[in-house]
Amino acid sequence: MLVRWTPFSDVARLEAEMNRLFNGSAATVEPRARGQWDPAVDVTEDVEKIVVQADLPGVDQQGLDIQIEQQVLTLKGERRLARPDQTAGELYRRYERTAGAFSRQFRLPPTVDPEKISASLKDGVLTLTLPKKAEAQPRQIKVSVQ
């Protein structure tokens, strides 16, 4: 599984938390800024198809944009999380779930048949099935005995 990691977002978050600590306001941790995030993706291939599965919890069907252009598969979307306003007497908040836009791109081999691609979203997992063209699949040749 290939997961993109950006160390600078962790450093910026740590710096902000350290500044809040030294400024005396560590009791109110603010949510992370809305920004880019990368969903985890698994890609498997066999002789008939390529299957791409992306973890997209909290993303609904209307929030997805799936396109293929010049053999590049693009997954775009946005996850929105409802967070209540701070209430009186609330001392602490911690948000770890990332919200915001995402975009992933994959270069497809020329063996994929773009006309037969199917997509389904179930339990927060997007599954794309990319069948291969018939001429790209192995063919069994029978030998006749004379």
Protein backbone atom coordinates (compact mmCIF):
# COMPACT_ATOMS: atom_id res chain seq x y z
CA MET A 1 0.00 0.00 0.00
CA LEU A 2 1.35 3.40 -0.97
CA VAL A 3 0.53 6.22 1.46
CA ARG A 4 1.68 9.76 0.90
CA TRP A 5 3.18 11.40 4.00
CA THR A 6 4.05 15.05 4.40
CA PRO A 7 6.22 15.70 7.46
CA PHE A 8 5.74 19.47 7.30
CA SER A 9 2.06 19.31 8.26
CA ASP A 10 3.00 17.45 11.45
CA VAL A 11 5.74 19.97 12.23
CA ALA A 12 3.37 22.92 11.70
CA ARG A 13 0.75 21.32 13.96
CA LEU A 14 3.37 20.64 16.64
CA GLU A 15 4.60 24.24 16.44
CA ALA A 16 1.04 25.59 16.81
CA GLU A 17 0.41 23.36 19.84
CA MET A 18 3.71 24.40 21.43
CA ASN A 19 2.84 28.08 20.89
CA ARG A 20 -0.56 27.56 22.53
CA LEU A 21 1.13 25.78 25.45
CA PHE A 22 3.59 28.60 26.07
CA ASN A 23 0.93 31.28 25.57
CA GLY A 24 -1.19 29.72 28.32
CA SER A 25 -4.06 28.56 26.12
CA ALA A 26 -3.30 24.83 25.90
CA ALA A 27 -6.73 23.94 27.27
CA THR A 28 -8.41 24.84 23.97
CA VAL A 29 -6.98 22.81 21.12
CA GLU A 30 -8.30 24.05 17.81
CA PRO A 31 -9.19 21.75 14.97
CA ARG A 32 -6.71 21.30 12.14
CA ALA A 33 -7.06 23.67 9.26
CA ARG A 34 -9.10 22.40 6.35
CA GLY A 35 -6.78 21.35 3.59
CA GLN A 36 -5.55 18.67 1.28
CA TRP A 37 -5.51 15.05 2.47
CA ASP A 38 -4.70 11.80 0.70
CA PRO A 39 -6.92 8.77 1.12
CA ALA A 40 -5.20 5.40 1.45
CA VAL A 41 -5.44 3.36 -1.77
CA ASP A 42 -4.86 -0.32 -2.55
CA VAL A 43 -4.23 -1.40 -6.16
CA THR A 44 -4.35 -5.04 -7.26
CA GLU A 45 -4.01 -6.56 -10.72
CA ASP A 46 -4.71 -9.93 -12.27
CA VAL A 47 -4.88 -11.13 -15.87
CA GLU A 48 -8.42 -9.77 -16.40
CA LYS A 49 -8.57 -6.50 -14.45
CA ILE A 50 -7.06 -3.89 -12.17
CA VAL A 51 -8.92 -3.08 -8.95
CA VAL A 52 -8.42 0.21 -7.10
CA GLN A 53 -9.84 0.52 -3.58
CA ALA A 54 -9.75 3.86 -1.76
CA ASP A 55 -10.68 4.52 1.88
CA LEU A 56 -13.13 7.43 1.76
CA PRO A 57 -15.03 7.43 5.07
CA GLY A 58 -17.42 10.35 5.31
CA VAL A 59 -17.36 11.06 1.56
CA ASP A 60 -20.71 10.65 -0.15
CA GLN A 61 -21.32 9.79 -3.79
CA GLN A 62 -22.10 13.40 -4.67
CA GLY A 63 -18.73 14.46 -3.26
CA LEU A 64 -16.77 12.27 -5.72
CA ASP A 65 -15.41 13.12 -9.14
CA ILE A 66 -13.80 10.24 -11.07
CA GLN A 67 -12.30 10.95 -14.50
CA ILE A 68 -10.02 9.32 -17.04
CA GLU A 69 -8.12 11.50 -19.45
CA GLN A 70 -5.15 10.40 -21.56
CA GLN A 71 -4.71 7.17 -19.60
CA VAL A 72 -4.68 9.00 -16.23
CA LEU A 73 -7.28 8.06 -13.63
CA THR A 74 -8.13 10.98 -11.33
CA LEU A 75 -10.05 10.66 -8.06
CA LYS A 76 -11.21 13.98 -6.59
CA GLY A 77 -13.57 14.85 -3.84
CA GLU A 78 -14.12 16.50 -0.51
CA ARG A 79 -14.93 15.28 2.96
CA ARG A 80 -16.90 17.64 5.17
CA LEU A 81 -17.09 17.10 8.90
CA ALA A 82 -19.69 18.85 11.05
CA ARG A 83 -18.11 20.14 14.21
CA PRO A 84 -20.26 21.82 16.86
CA ASP A 85 -19.42 25.27 18.17
CA GLN A 86 -17.62 25.45 21.48
CA THR A 87 -20.03 25.46 24.41
CA ALA A 88 -19.73 27.32 27.68
CA GLY A 89 -17.73 25.37 30.20
CA GLU A 90 -16.00 23.25 27.57
CA LEU A 91 -12.33 23.06 28.45
CA TYR A 92 -10.80 20.84 25.81
CA ARG A 93 -11.27 19.71 22.23
CA ARG A 94 -9.21 17.43 20.05
CA TYR A 95 -9.91 16.72 16.39
CA GLU A 96 -7.91 14.11 14.51
CA ARG A 97 -10.16 13.34 11.55
CA THR A 98 -9.02 15.26 8.50
CA ALA A 99 -11.51 17.12 6.37
CA GLY A 100 -11.16 18.95 3.09
CA ALA A 101 -10.40 18.26 -0.53
CA PHE A 102 -8.43 15.31 -1.85
CA SER A 103 -7.04 14.32 -5.22
CA ARG A 104 -5.18 11.19 -6.33
CA GLN A 105 -3.97 10.34 -9.84
CA PHE A 106 -2.86 7.02 -11.34
CA ARG A 107 -1.35 6.41 -14.76
CA LEU A 108 -3.13 3.48 -16.36
CA PRO A 109 -1.52 0.99 -18.70
CA PRO A 110 -2.82 0.98 -22.29
CA THR A 111 -4.31 -2.48 -21.66
CA VAL A 112 -7.20 -0.99 -19.61
CA ASP A 113 -10.55 -0.66 -21.42
CA PRO A 114 -11.85 2.76 -20.27
CA GLU A 115 -15.36 2.09 -21.64
CA LYS A 116 -15.95 -0.79 -19.20
CA ILE A 117 -14.76 0.74 -15.93
CA SER A 118 -17.18 0.42 -13.02
CA ALA A 119 -17.25 2.10 -9.61
CA SER A 120 -19.05 1.37 -6.35
CA LEU A 121 -19.02 3.02 -2.93
CA LYS A 122 -19.87 0.85 0.07
CA ASP A 123 -19.11 1.38 3.76
CA GLY A 124 -16.72 4.23 2.98
CA VAL A 125 -14.64 2.22 0.49
CA LEU A 126 -14.60 3.21 -3.18
CA THR A 127 -13.94 0.23 -5.46
CA LEU A 128 -13.02 0.85 -9.09
CA THR A 129 -12.85 -2.15 -11.40
CA LEU A 130 -10.81 -1.51 -14.54
CA PRO A 131 -11.18 -4.45 -16.97
CA LYS A 132 -8.41 -5.11 -19.44
CA LYS A 133 -9.01 -5.15 -23.19
CA ALA A 134 -9.69 -8.56 -24.69
CA GLU A 135 -6.52 -8.48 -26.78
CA ALA A 136 -4.44 -7.88 -23.64
CA GLN A 137 -5.75 -10.95 -21.85
CA PRO A 138 -4.00 -14.28 -22.26
CA ARG A 139 -5.54 -16.65 -24.75
CA GLN A 140 -5.50 -20.42 -24.55
CA ILE A 141 -4.58 -22.12 -27.81
CA LYS A 142 -5.81 -25.65 -28.16
CA VAL A 143 -3.65 -28.19 -29.89
CA SER A 144 -5.45 -30.66 -32.08
CA VAL A 145 -4.14 -34.21 -32.38
CA GLN A 146 -4.17 -35.69 -35.89
